[in-house]
PDB file of N, CA and C in Angstrom:
ATOM      1  N   UNK A   1     -11.969 -53.923 139.938  1.00  0.00           N
ATOM      2  CA  UNK A   1     -13.046 -53.032 139.551  1.00  0.00           C
ATOM      3  C   UNK A   1     -12.595 -51.586 139.780  1.00  0.00           C
ATOM      4  N   UNK A   2     -12.981 -50.711 138.866  1.00  0.00           N
ATOM      5  CA  UNK A   2     -12.635 -49.295 138.955  1.00  0.00           C
ATOM      6  C   UNK A   2     -13.899 -48.487 139.225  1.00  0.00           C
ATOM      7  N   UNK A   3     -13.733 -47.300 139.784  1.00  0.00           N
ATOM      8  CA  UNK A   3     -14.862 -46.415 140.097  1.00  0.00           C
ATOM      9  C   UNK A   3     -14.859 -45.211 139.164  1.00  0.00           C
ATOM     10  N   UNK A   4     -16.065 -44.715 138.867  1.00  0.00           N
ATOM     11  CA  UNK A   4     -16.237 -43.597 137.944  1.00  0.00           C
ATOM     12  C   UNK A   4     -17.346 -42.668 138.412  1.00  0.00           C
ATOM     13  N   UNK A   5     -17.207 -41.393 138.100  1.00  0.00           N
ATOM     14  CA  UNK A   5     -18.278 -40.407 138.266  1.00  0.00           C
ATOM     15  C   UNK A   5     -18.633 -39.935 136.864  1.00  0.00           C
ATOM     16  N   UNK A   6     -19.912 -40.010 136.509  1.00  0.00           N
ATOM     17  CA  UNK A   6     -20.332 -39.413 135.241  1.00  0.00           C
ATOM     18  C   UNK A   6     -21.298 -38.276 135.545  1.00  0.00           C
ATOM     19  N   UNK A   7     -21.231 -37.250 134.709  1.00  0.00           N
ATOM     20  CA  UNK A   7     -22.007 -36.035 134.957  1.00  0.00           C
ATOM     21  C   UNK A   7     -23.038 -35.811 133.859  1.00  0.00           C
ATOM     22  N   UNK A   8     -24.150 -35.225 134.276  1.00  0.00           N
ATOM     23  CA  UNK A   8     -25.256 -34.896 133.376  1.00  0.00           C
ATOM     24  C   UNK A   8     -25.760 -33.501 133.754  1.00  0.00           C
ATOM     25  N   UNK A   9     -25.995 -32.648 132.741  1.00  0.00           N
ATOM     26  CA  UNK A   9     -26.392 -31.259 132.996  1.00  0.00           C
ATOM     27  C   UNK A   9     -27.316 -30.799 131.875  1.00  0.00           C
ATOM     28  N   UNK A  10     -28.526 -30.352 132.236  1.00  0.00           N
ATOM     29  CA  UNK A  10     -29.470 -29.933 131.195  1.00  0.00           C
ATOM     30  C   UNK A  10     -28.953 -28.735 130.407  1.00  0.00           C
ATOM     31  N   UNK A  11     -28.128 -27.881 131.015  1.00  0.00           N
ATOM     32  CA  UNK A  11     -27.569 -26.732 130.305  1.00  0.00           C
ATOM     33  C   UNK A  11     -26.586 -27.154 129.215  1.00  0.00           C
ATOM     34  N   UNK A  12     -26.106 -28.383 129.293  1.00  0.00           N
ATOM     35  CA  UNK A  12     -25.171 -28.908 128.295  1.00  0.00           C
ATOM     36  C   UNK A  12     -25.834 -29.952 127.404  1.00  0.00           C
ATOM     37  N   UNK A  13     -27.140 -30.170 127.601  1.00  0.00           N
ATOM     38  CA  UNK A  13     -27.883 -31.109 126.771  1.00  0.00           C
ATOM     39  C   UNK A  13     -27.776 -32.562 127.166  1.00  0.00           C
ATOM     40  N   UNK A  14     -27.249 -32.838 128.352  1.00  0.00           N
ATOM     41  CA  UNK A  14     -27.081 -34.227 128.783  1.00  0.00           C
ATOM     42  C   UNK A  14     -28.055 -34.635 129.891  1.00  0.00           C
ATOM     43  N   UNK A  15     -29.065 -33.819 130.102  1.00  0.00           N
ATOM     44  CA  UNK A  15     -30.129 -34.096 131.075  1.00  0.00           C
ATOM     45  C   UNK A  15     -31.401 -33.557 130.432  1.00  0.00           C
ATOM     46  N   UNK A  16     -32.538 -34.209 130.607  1.00  0.00           N
ATOM     47  CA  UNK A  16     -33.757 -33.720 129.955  1.00  0.00           C
ATOM     48  C   UNK A  16     -34.031 -32.244 130.263  1.00  0.00           C
ATOM     49  N   UNK A  17     -34.470 -31.518 129.246  1.00  0.00           N
ATOM     50  CA  UNK A  17     -34.742 -30.081 129.395  1.00  0.00           C
ATOM     51  C   UNK A  17     -35.906 -29.828 130.343  1.00  0.00           C
ATOM     52  N   UNK A  18     -36.922 -30.697 130.290  1.00  0.00           N
ATOM     53  CA  UNK A  18     -38.059 -30.519 131.201  1.00  0.00           C
ATOM     54  C   UNK A  18     -37.700 -31.116 132.562  1.00  0.00           C
ATOM     55  N   UNK A  19     -38.226 -30.533 133.613  1.00  0.00           N
ATOM     56  CA  UNK A  19     -37.932 -31.027 134.964  1.00  0.00           C
ATOM     57  C   UNK A  19     -38.537 -32.409 135.151  1.00  0.00           C
ATOM     58  N   UNK A  20     -37.723 -33.353 135.559  1.00  0.00           N
ATOM     59  CA  UNK A  20     -38.183 -34.712 135.807  1.00  0.00           C
ATOM     60  C   UNK A  20     -38.774 -34.820 137.205  1.00  0.00           C
ATOM     61  N   UNK A  21     -39.730 -35.714 137.352  1.00  0.00           N
ATOM     62  CA  UNK A  21     -40.207 -36.057 138.689  1.00  0.00           C
ATOM     63  C   UNK A  21     -39.215 -37.063 139.282  1.00  0.00           C
ATOM     64  N   UNK A  22     -39.289 -37.276 140.570  1.00  0.00           N
ATOM     65  CA  UNK A  22     -38.426 -38.285 141.194  1.00  0.00           C
ATOM     66  C   UNK A  22     -38.684 -39.648 140.569  1.00  0.00           C
ATOM     67  N   UNK A  23     -39.947 -39.968 140.333  1.00  0.00           N
ATOM     68  CA  UNK A  23     -40.300 -41.267 139.752  1.00  0.00           C
ATOM     69  C   UNK A  23     -39.663 -41.428 138.364  1.00  0.00           C
ATOM     70  N   UNK A  24     -39.724 -40.389 137.542  1.00  0.00           N
ATOM     71  CA  UNK A  24     -39.114 -40.459 136.216  1.00  0.00           C
ATOM     72  C   UNK A  24     -37.603 -40.650 136.310  1.00  0.00           C
ATOM     73  N   UNK A  25     -36.981 -39.943 137.244  1.00  0.00           N
ATOM     74  CA  UNK A  25     -35.539 -40.094 137.398  1.00  0.00           C
ATOM     75  C   UNK A  25     -35.192 -41.506 137.843  1.00  0.00           C
ATOM     76  N   UNK A  26     -35.937 -42.034 138.826  1.00  0.00           N
ATOM     77  CA  UNK A  26     -35.666 -43.386 139.306  1.00  0.00           C
ATOM     78  C   UNK A  26     -35.846 -44.413 138.190  1.00  0.00           C
ATOM     79  N   UNK A  27     -36.841 -44.204 137.321  1.00  0.00           N
ATOM     80  CA  UNK A  27     -37.052 -45.111 136.185  1.00  0.00           C
ATOM     81  C   UNK A  27     -35.844 -45.082 135.252  1.00  0.00           C
ATOM     82  N   UNK A  28     -35.329 -43.880 134.997  1.00  0.00           N
ATOM     83  CA  UNK A  28     -34.173 -43.744 134.113  1.00  0.00           C
ATOM     84  C   UNK A  28     -32.934 -44.393 134.737  1.00  0.00           C
ATOM     85  N   UNK A  29     -32.721 -44.172 136.034  1.00  0.00           N
ATOM     86  CA  UNK A  29     -31.557 -44.775 136.699  1.00  0.00           C
ATOM     87  C   UNK A  29     -31.691 -46.291 136.730  1.00  0.00           C
ATOM     88  N   UNK A  30     -32.899 -46.795 136.935  1.00  0.00           N
ATOM     89  CA  UNK A  30     -33.129 -48.248 136.931  1.00  0.00           C
ATOM     90  C   UNK A  30     -32.834 -48.827 135.543  1.00  0.00           C
ATOM     91  N   UNK A  31     -33.210 -48.106 134.494  1.00  0.00           N
ATOM     92  CA  UNK A  31     -32.923 -48.563 133.128  1.00  0.00           C
ATOM     93  C   UNK A  31     -31.416 -48.611 132.893  1.00  0.00           C
ATOM     94  N   UNK A  32     -30.688 -47.623 133.393  1.00  0.00           N
ATOM     95  CA  UNK A  32     -29.234 -47.622 133.274  1.00  0.00           C
ATOM     96  C   UNK A  32     -28.639 -48.810 134.019  1.00  0.00           C
ATOM     97  N   UNK A  33     -29.109 -49.048 135.222  1.00  0.00           N
ATOM     98  CA  UNK A  33     -28.595 -50.177 136.006  1.00  0.00           C
ATOM     99  C   UNK A  33     -28.846 -51.503 135.291  1.00  0.00           C
ATOM    100  N   UNK A  34     -30.020 -51.641 134.700  1.00  0.00           N
ATOM    101  CA  UNK A  34     -30.351 -52.882 134.001  1.00  0.00           C
ATOM    102  C   UNK A  34     -29.453 -53.070 132.772  1.00  0.00           C
ATOM    103  N   UNK A  35     -29.300 -52.027 131.975  1.00  0.00           N
ATOM    104  CA  UNK A  35     -28.447 -52.105 130.786  1.00  0.00           C
ATOM    105  C   UNK A  35     -26.991 -52.330 131.165  1.00  0.00           C
ATOM    106  N   UNK A  36     -26.582 -51.761 132.273  1.00  0.00           N
ATOM    107  CA  UNK A  36     -25.187 -51.818 132.711  1.00  0.00           C
ATOM    108  C   UNK A  36     -24.726 -53.250 132.995  1.00  0.00           C
ATOM    109  N   UNK A  37     -25.642 -54.109 133.398  1.00  0.00           N
ATOM    110  CA  UNK A  37     -25.279 -55.485 133.734  1.00  0.00           C
ATOM    111  C   UNK A  37     -24.581 -56.184 132.568  1.00  0.00           C
ATOM    112  N   UNK A  38     -25.010 -55.871 131.356  1.00  0.00           N
ATOM    113  CA  UNK A  38     -24.430 -56.490 130.161  1.00  0.00           C
ATOM    114  C   UNK A  38     -22.945 -56.162 130.012  1.00  0.00           C
ATOM    115  N   UNK A  39     -22.519 -55.026 130.588  1.00  0.00           N
ATOM    116  CA  UNK A  39     -21.143 -54.556 130.443  1.00  0.00           C
ATOM    117  C   UNK A  39     -20.331 -54.693 131.724  1.00  0.00           C
ATOM    118  N   UNK A  40     -20.870 -55.453 132.690  1.00  0.00           N
ATOM    119  CA  UNK A  40     -20.213 -55.652 133.988  1.00  0.00           C
ATOM    120  C   UNK A  40     -20.021 -54.334 134.723  1.00  0.00           C
ATOM    121  N   UNK A  41     -21.038 -53.476 134.612  1.00  0.00           N
ATOM    122  CA  UNK A  41     -21.038 -52.155 135.244  1.00  0.00           C
ATOM    123  C   UNK A  41     -22.122 -52.135 136.314  1.00  0.00           C
ATOM    124  N   UNK A  42     -21.867 -51.407 137.402  1.00  0.00           N
ATOM    125  CA  UNK A  42     -22.845 -51.289 138.488  1.00  0.00           C
ATOM    126  C   UNK A  42     -23.027 -49.825 138.863  1.00  0.00           C
ATOM    127  N   UNK A  43     -24.282 -49.398 138.974  1.00  0.00           N
ATOM    128  CA  UNK A  43     -24.603 -48.043 139.424  1.00  0.00           C
ATOM    129  C   UNK A  43     -24.768 -48.035 140.933  1.00  0.00           C
ATOM    130  N   UNK A  44     -23.836 -47.419 141.634  1.00  0.00           N
ATOM    131  CA  UNK A  44     -23.881 -47.393 143.098  1.00  0.00           C
ATOM    132  C   UNK A  44     -24.849 -46.348 143.623  1.00  0.00           C
ATOM    133  N   UNK A  45     -24.825 -45.159 143.013  1.00  0.00           N
ATOM    134  CA  UNK A  45     -25.639 -44.059 143.532  1.00  0.00           C
ATOM    135  C   UNK A  45     -25.695 -42.935 142.507  1.00  0.00           C
ATOM    136  N   UNK A  46     -26.684 -42.091 142.681  1.00  0.00           N
ATOM    137  CA  UNK A  46     -26.769 -40.867 141.880  1.00  0.00           C
ATOM    138  C   UNK A  46     -27.051 -39.717 142.840  1.00  0.00           C
ATOM    139  N   UNK A  47     -26.365 -38.637 142.625  1.00  0.00           N
ATOM    140  CA  UNK A  47     -26.618 -37.406 143.363  1.00  0.00           C
ATOM    141  C   UNK A  47     -27.248 -36.467 142.351  1.00  0.00           C
ATOM    142  N   UNK A  48     -28.463 -36.030 142.633  1.00  0.00           N
ATOM    143  CA  UNK A  48     -29.231 -35.327 141.612  1.00  0.00           C
ATOM    144  C   UNK A  48     -29.911 -34.090 142.171  1.00  0.00           C
ATOM    145  N   UNK A  49     -30.036 -33.075 141.331  1.00  0.00           N
ATOM    146  CA  UNK A  49     -30.843 -31.900 141.627  1.00  0.00           C
ATOM    147  C   UNK A  49     -31.806 -31.788 140.461  1.00  0.00           C
ATOM    148  N   UNK A  50     -33.028 -32.270 140.665  1.00  0.00           N
ATOM    149  CA  UNK A  50     -34.005 -32.314 139.580  1.00  0.00           C
ATOM    150  C   UNK A  50     -34.411 -30.922 139.114  1.00  0.00           C
ATOM    151  N   UNK A  51     -34.497 -29.991 140.031  1.00  0.00           N
ATOM    152  CA  UNK A  51     -34.897 -28.628 139.677  1.00  0.00           C
ATOM    153  C   UNK A  51     -33.868 -27.983 138.741  1.00  0.00           C
ATOM    154  N   UNK A  52     -32.575 -28.183 139.024  1.00  0.00           N
ATOM    155  CA  UNK A  52     -31.515 -27.615 138.186  1.00  0.00           C
ATOM    156  C   UNK A  52     -31.159 -28.507 136.994  1.00  0.00           C
ATOM    157  N   UNK A  53     -31.646 -29.756 137.015  1.00  0.00           N
ATOM    158  CA  UNK A  53     -31.347 -30.664 135.914  1.00  0.00           C
ATOM    159  C   UNK A  53     -29.901 -31.107 135.874  1.00  0.00           C
ATOM    160  N   UNK A  54     -29.400 -31.540 137.025  1.00  0.00           N
ATOM    161  CA  UNK A  54     -28.013 -32.001 137.112  1.00  0.00           C
ATOM    162  C   UNK A  54     -27.965 -33.313 137.884  1.00  0.00           C
ATOM    163  N   UNK A  55     -27.066 -34.196 137.437  1.00  0.00           N
ATOM    164  CA  UNK A  55     -26.870 -35.461 138.143  1.00  0.00           C
ATOM    165  C   UNK A  55     -25.411 -35.861 138.074  1.00  0.00           C
ATOM    166  N   UNK A  56     -24.958 -36.489 139.156  1.00  0.00           N
ATOM    167  CA  UNK A  56     -23.624 -37.036 139.267  1.00  0.00           C
ATOM    168  C   UNK A  56     -23.807 -38.489 139.677  1.00  0.00           C
ATOM    169  N   UNK A  57     -23.414 -39.405 138.804  1.00  0.00           N
ATOM    170  CA  UNK A  57     -23.631 -40.827 139.069  1.00  0.00           C
ATOM    171  C   UNK A  57     -22.318 -41.489 139.453  1.00  0.00           C
ATOM    172  N   UNK A  58     -22.358 -42.288 140.493  1.00  0.00           N
ATOM    173  CA  UNK A  58     -21.194 -43.026 140.976  1.00  0.00           C
ATOM    174  C   UNK A  58     -21.355 -44.466 140.516  1.00  0.00           C
ATOM    175  N   UNK A  59     -20.439 -44.914 139.660  1.00  0.00           N
ATOM    176  CA  UNK A  59     -20.555 -46.234 139.052  1.00  0.00           C
ATOM    177  C   UNK A  59     -19.231 -46.974 139.160  1.00  0.00           C
ATOM    178  N   UNK A  60     -19.284 -48.282 138.975  1.00  0.00           N
ATOM    179  CA  UNK A  60     -18.058 -49.068 138.906  1.00  0.00           C
ATOM    180  C   UNK A  60     -18.140 -49.991 137.702  1.00  0.00           C
ATOM    181  N   UNK A  61     -16.967 -50.336 137.200  1.00  0.00           N
ATOM    182  CA  UNK A  61     -16.890 -51.222 136.050  1.00  0.00           C
ATOM    183  C   UNK A  61     -15.447 -51.491 135.710  1.00  0.00           C
ATOM    184  N   UNK A  62     -15.222 -52.324 134.700  1.00  0.00           N
ATOM    185  CA  UNK A  62     -13.847 -52.685 134.363  1.00  0.00           C
ATOM    186  C   UNK A  62     -13.046 -51.547 133.744  1.00  0.00           C
ATOM    187  N   UNK A  63     -13.729 -50.633 133.023  1.00  0.00           N
ATOM    188  CA  UNK A  63     -13.023 -49.529 132.376  1.00  0.00           C
ATOM    189  C   UNK A  63     -14.020 -48.460 131.934  1.00  0.00           C
ATOM    190  N   UNK A  64     -13.486 -47.322 131.496  1.00  0.00           N
ATOM    191  CA  UNK A  64     -14.332 -46.197 131.083  1.00  0.00           C
ATOM    192  C   UNK A  64     -15.219 -46.570 129.893  1.00  0.00           C
ATOM    193  N   UNK A  65     -14.688 -47.357 128.978  1.00  0.00           N
ATOM    194  CA  UNK A  65     -15.460 -47.759 127.795  1.00  0.00           C
ATOM    195  C   UNK A  65     -16.727 -48.523 128.189  1.00  0.00           C
ATOM    196  N   UNK A  66     -16.648 -49.337 129.216  1.00  0.00           N
ATOM    197  CA  UNK A  66     -17.826 -50.076 129.693  1.00  0.00           C
ATOM    198  C   UNK A  66     -18.892 -49.126 130.226  1.00  0.00           C
ATOM    199  N   UNK A  67     -18.460 -48.077 130.904  1.00  0.00           N
ATOM    200  CA  UNK A  67     -19.404 -47.075 131.411  1.00  0.00           C
ATOM    201  C   UNK A  67     -20.064 -46.371 130.228  1.00  0.00           C
ATOM    202  N   UNK A  68     -19.284 -46.031 129.208  1.00  0.00           N
ATOM    203  CA  UNK A  68     -19.826 -45.395 127.993  1.00  0.00           C
ATOM    204  C   UNK A  68     -20.875 -46.286 127.332  1.00  0.00           C
ATOM    205  N   UNK A  69     -20.548 -47.564 127.189  1.00  0.00           N
ATOM    206  CA  UNK A  69     -21.459 -48.508 126.536  1.00  0.00           C
ATOM    207  C   UNK A  69     -22.771 -48.644 127.305  1.00  0.00           C
ATOM    208  N   UNK A  70     -22.710 -48.633 128.626  1.00  0.00           N
ATOM    209  CA  UNK A  70     -23.925 -48.729 129.436  1.00  0.00           C
ATOM    210  C   UNK A  70     -24.830 -47.527 129.177  1.00  0.00           C
ATOM    211  N   UNK A  71     -24.249 -46.339 129.103  1.00  0.00           N
ATOM    212  CA  UNK A  71     -25.034 -45.137 128.815  1.00  0.00           C
ATOM    213  C   UNK A  71     -25.609 -45.190 127.397  1.00  0.00           C
ATOM    214  N   UNK A  72     -24.789 -45.613 126.440  1.00  0.00           N
ATOM    215  CA  UNK A  72     -25.230 -45.680 125.044  1.00  0.00           C
ATOM    216  C   UNK A  72     -26.370 -46.675 124.866  1.00  0.00           C
ATOM    217  N   UNK A  73     -26.377 -47.736 125.670  1.00  0.00           N
ATOM    218  CA  UNK A  73     -27.407 -48.771 125.549  1.00  0.00           C
ATOM    219  C   UNK A  73     -28.813 -48.230 125.782  1.00  0.00           C
ATOM    220  N   UNK A  74     -28.925 -47.140 126.558  1.00  0.00           N
ATOM    221  CA  UNK A  74     -30.251 -46.546 126.786  1.00  0.00           C
ATOM    222  C   UNK A  74     -30.319 -45.115 126.250  1.00  0.00           C
ATOM    223  N   UNK A  75     -29.372 -44.779 125.366  1.00  0.00           N
ATOM    224  CA  UNK A  75     -29.325 -43.431 124.767  1.00  0.00           C
ATOM    225  C   UNK A  75     -29.306 -42.331 125.820  1.00  0.00           C
ATOM    226  N   UNK A  76     -28.490 -42.534 126.843  1.00  0.00           N
ATOM    227  CA  UNK A  76     -28.370 -41.556 127.924  1.00  0.00           C
ATOM    228  C   UNK A  76     -27.088 -40.751 127.734  1.00  0.00           C
ATOM    229  N   UNK A  77     -27.199 -39.476 127.337  1.00  0.00           N
ATOM    230  CA  UNK A  77     -25.995 -38.671 127.156  1.00  0.00           C
ATOM    231  C   UNK A  77     -25.363 -38.307 128.500  1.00  0.00           C
ATOM    232  N   UNK A  78     -24.111 -37.917 128.447  1.00  0.00           N
ATOM    233  CA  UNK A  78     -23.365 -37.488 129.640  1.00  0.00           C
ATOM    234  C   UNK A  78     -22.380 -36.425 129.194  1.00  0.00           C
ATOM    235  N   UNK A  79     -21.895 -35.646 130.145  1.00  0.00           N
ATOM    236  CA  UNK A  79     -20.891 -34.623 129.843  1.00  0.00           C
ATOM    237  C   UNK A  79     -19.485 -35.185 129.972  1.00  0.00           C
ATOM    238  N   UNK A  80     -19.285 -35.941 131.034  1.00  0.00           N
ATOM    239  CA  UNK A  80     -17.949 -36.484 131.270  1.00  0.00           C
ATOM    240  C   UNK A  80     -18.063 -37.767 132.072  1.00  0.00           C
ATOM    241  N   UNK A  81     -17.044 -38.579 131.923  1.00  0.00           N
ATOM    242  CA  UNK A  81     -16.870 -39.776 132.746  1.00  0.00           C
ATOM    243  C   UNK A  81     -15.449 -39.689 133.279  1.00  0.00           C
ATOM    244  N   UNK A  82     -15.320 -39.704 134.592  1.00  0.00           N
ATOM    245  CA  UNK A  82     -14.011 -39.545 135.222  1.00  0.00           C
ATOM    246  C   UNK A  82     -13.733 -40.722 136.142  1.00  0.00           C
ATOM    247  N   UNK A  83     -12.601 -41.358 135.945  1.00  0.00           N
ATOM    248  CA  UNK A  83     -12.205 -42.419 136.869  1.00  0.00           C
ATOM    249  C   UNK A  83     -11.781 -41.767 138.181  1.00  0.00           C
ATOM    250  N   UNK A  84     -12.251 -42.312 139.290  1.00  0.00           N
ATOM    251  CA  UNK A  84     -11.951 -41.765 140.610  1.00  0.00           C
ATOM    252  C   UNK A  84     -11.533 -42.888 141.554  1.00  0.00           C
ATOM    253  N   UNK A  85     -10.869 -42.494 142.630  1.00  0.00           N
ATOM    254  CA  UNK A  85     -10.585 -43.424 143.717  1.00  0.00           C
ATOM    255  C   UNK A  85     -11.596 -43.155 144.802  1.00  0.00           C
ATOM    256  N   UNK A  86     -12.119 -44.186 145.375  1.00  0.00           N
ATOM    257  CA  UNK A  86     -13.049 -44.034 146.484  1.00  0.00           C
ATOM    258  C   UNK A  86     -12.244 -43.997 147.772  1.00  0.00           C
ATOM    259  N   UNK A  87     -12.334 -42.883 148.488  1.00  0.00           N
ATOM    260  CA  UNK A  87     -11.607 -42.742 149.745  1.00  0.00           C
ATOM    261  C   UNK A  87     -12.563 -42.249 150.822  1.00  0.00           C
ATOM    262  N   UNK A  88     -12.178 -42.473 152.041  1.00  0.00           N
ATOM    263  CA  UNK A  88     -12.954 -41.977 153.172  1.00  0.00           C
ATOM    264  C   UNK A  88     -12.109 -40.958 153.910  1.00  0.00           C
ATOM    265  N   UNK A  89     -12.683 -40.312 154.888  1.00  0.00           N
ATOM    266  CA  UNK A  89     -11.932 -39.363 155.709  1.00  0.00           C
ATOM    267  C   UNK A  89     -10.719 -40.008 156.343  1.00  0.00           C
ATOM    268  N   UNK A  90     -10.850 -41.250 156.740  1.00  0.00           N
ATOM    269  CA  UNK A  90      -9.726 -41.951 157.361  1.00  0.00           C
ATOM    270  C   UNK A  90      -8.590 -42.147 156.364  1.00  0.00           C
ATOM    271  N   UNK A  91      -8.928 -42.373 155.086  1.00  0.00           N
ATOM    272  CA  UNK A  91      -7.903 -42.562 154.062  1.00  0.00           C
ATOM    273  C   UNK A  91      -7.124 -41.291 153.801  1.00  0.00           C
ATOM    274  N   UNK A  92      -7.713 -40.145 154.102  1.00  0.00           N
ATOM    275  CA  UNK A  92      -7.106 -38.873 153.751  1.00  0.00           C
ATOM    276  C   UNK A  92      -6.324 -38.242 154.900  1.00  0.00           C
ATOM    277  N   UNK A  93      -6.289 -38.893 156.056  1.00  0.00           N
ATOM    278  CA  UNK A  93      -5.565 -38.350 157.197  1.00  0.00           C
ATOM    279  C   UNK A  93      -4.066 -38.443 156.979  1.00  0.00           C
ATOM    280  N   UNK A  94      -3.332 -37.522 157.564  1.00  0.00           N
ATOM    281  CA  UNK A  94      -1.874 -37.561 157.502  1.00  0.00           C
ATOM    282  C   UNK A  94      -1.410 -38.721 158.377  1.00  0.00           C
ATOM    283  N   UNK A  95      -0.522 -39.576 157.869  1.00  0.00           N
ATOM    284  CA  UNK A  95      -0.027 -40.700 158.684  1.00  0.00           C
ATOM    285  C   UNK A  95       0.608 -40.193 159.976  1.00  0.00           C
ATOM    286  N   UNK A  96       0.434 -40.926 161.049  1.00  0.00           N
ATOM    287  CA  UNK A  96       0.918 -40.540 162.369  1.00  0.00           C
ATOM    288  C   UNK A  96       2.394 -40.167 162.389  1.00  0.00           C
ATOM    289  N   UNK A  97       3.302 -40.952 161.796  1.00  0.00           N
ATOM    290  CA  UNK A  97       4.719 -40.563 161.846  1.00  0.00           C
ATOM    291  C   UNK A  97       4.973 -39.207 161.195  1.00  0.00           C
ATOM    292  N   UNK A  98       4.281 -38.867 160.130  1.00  0.00           N
ATOM    293  CA  UNK A  98       4.437 -37.573 159.475  1.00  0.00           C
ATOM    294  C   UNK A  98       3.945 -36.464 160.395  1.00  0.00           C
ATOM    295  N   UNK A  99       2.825 -36.668 161.062  1.00  0.00           N
ATOM    296  CA  UNK A  99       2.276 -35.697 161.993  1.00  0.00           C
ATOM    297  C   UNK A  99       3.269 -35.419 163.120  1.00  0.00           C
ATOM    298  N   UNK A 100       3.877 -36.485 163.657  1.00  0.00           N
ATOM    299  CA  UNK A 100       4.864 -36.321 164.740  1.00  0.00           C
ATOM    300  C   UNK A 100       6.079 -35.544 164.241  1.00  0.00           C
ATOM    301  N   UNK A 101       6.509 -35.803 163.019  1.00  0.00           N
ATOM    302  CA  UNK A 101       7.652 -35.089 162.463  1.00  0.00           C
ATOM    303  C   UNK A 101       7.323 -33.606 162.292  1.00  0.00           C
ATOM    304  N   UNK A 102       6.116 -33.298 161.898  1.00  0.00           N
ATOM    305  CA  UNK A 102       5.703 -31.908 161.716  1.00  0.00           C
ATOM    306  C   UNK A 102       5.736 -31.161 163.039  1.00  0.00           C
ATOM    307  N   UNK A 103       5.316 -31.831 164.130  1.00  0.00           N
ATOM    308  CA  UNK A 103       5.335 -31.196 165.444  1.00  0.00           C
ATOM    309  C   UNK A 103       6.764 -30.874 165.880  1.00  0.00           C
ATOM    310  N   UNK A 104       7.685 -31.813 165.614  1.00  0.00           N
ATOM    311  CA  UNK A 104       9.081 -31.591 165.984  1.00  0.00           C
ATOM    312  C   UNK A 104       9.676 -30.429 165.199  1.00  0.00           C
ATOM    313  N   UNK A 105       9.305 -30.312 163.926  1.00  0.00           N
ATOM    314  CA  UNK A 105       9.852 -29.257 163.070  1.00  0.00           C
ATOM    315  C   UNK A 105       9.234 -27.895 163.373  1.00  0.00           C
ATOM    316  N   UNK A 106       8.008 -27.894 163.895  1.00  0.00           N
ATOM    317  CA  UNK A 106       7.244 -26.666 164.107  1.00  0.00           C
ATOM    318  C   UNK A 106       7.595 -25.994 165.355  1.00  0.00           C
TER     319      UNK A 106
END
């Protein structure tokens, strides 16, 4: 399974022009999640600013085309879909042997 971030922005026409309520947004995200099942896609989370009309959705699926199809199934436009790796702070730390080498060189 691969991970993706898709973006939505009312200034670019990919988010409703009128300010959505939380309930309206949750209904839309639930519709996306339901449609996504047909394409083996899962919506993990959405980071949204309703006042500014922007959303960043974290999804997983077999490929970018599956993410596109899930959005198209409910006529939900997007600005971009980007494949990403999911990492944590621990994944991004410098390996211990490299850190020790840096100390010796410094």
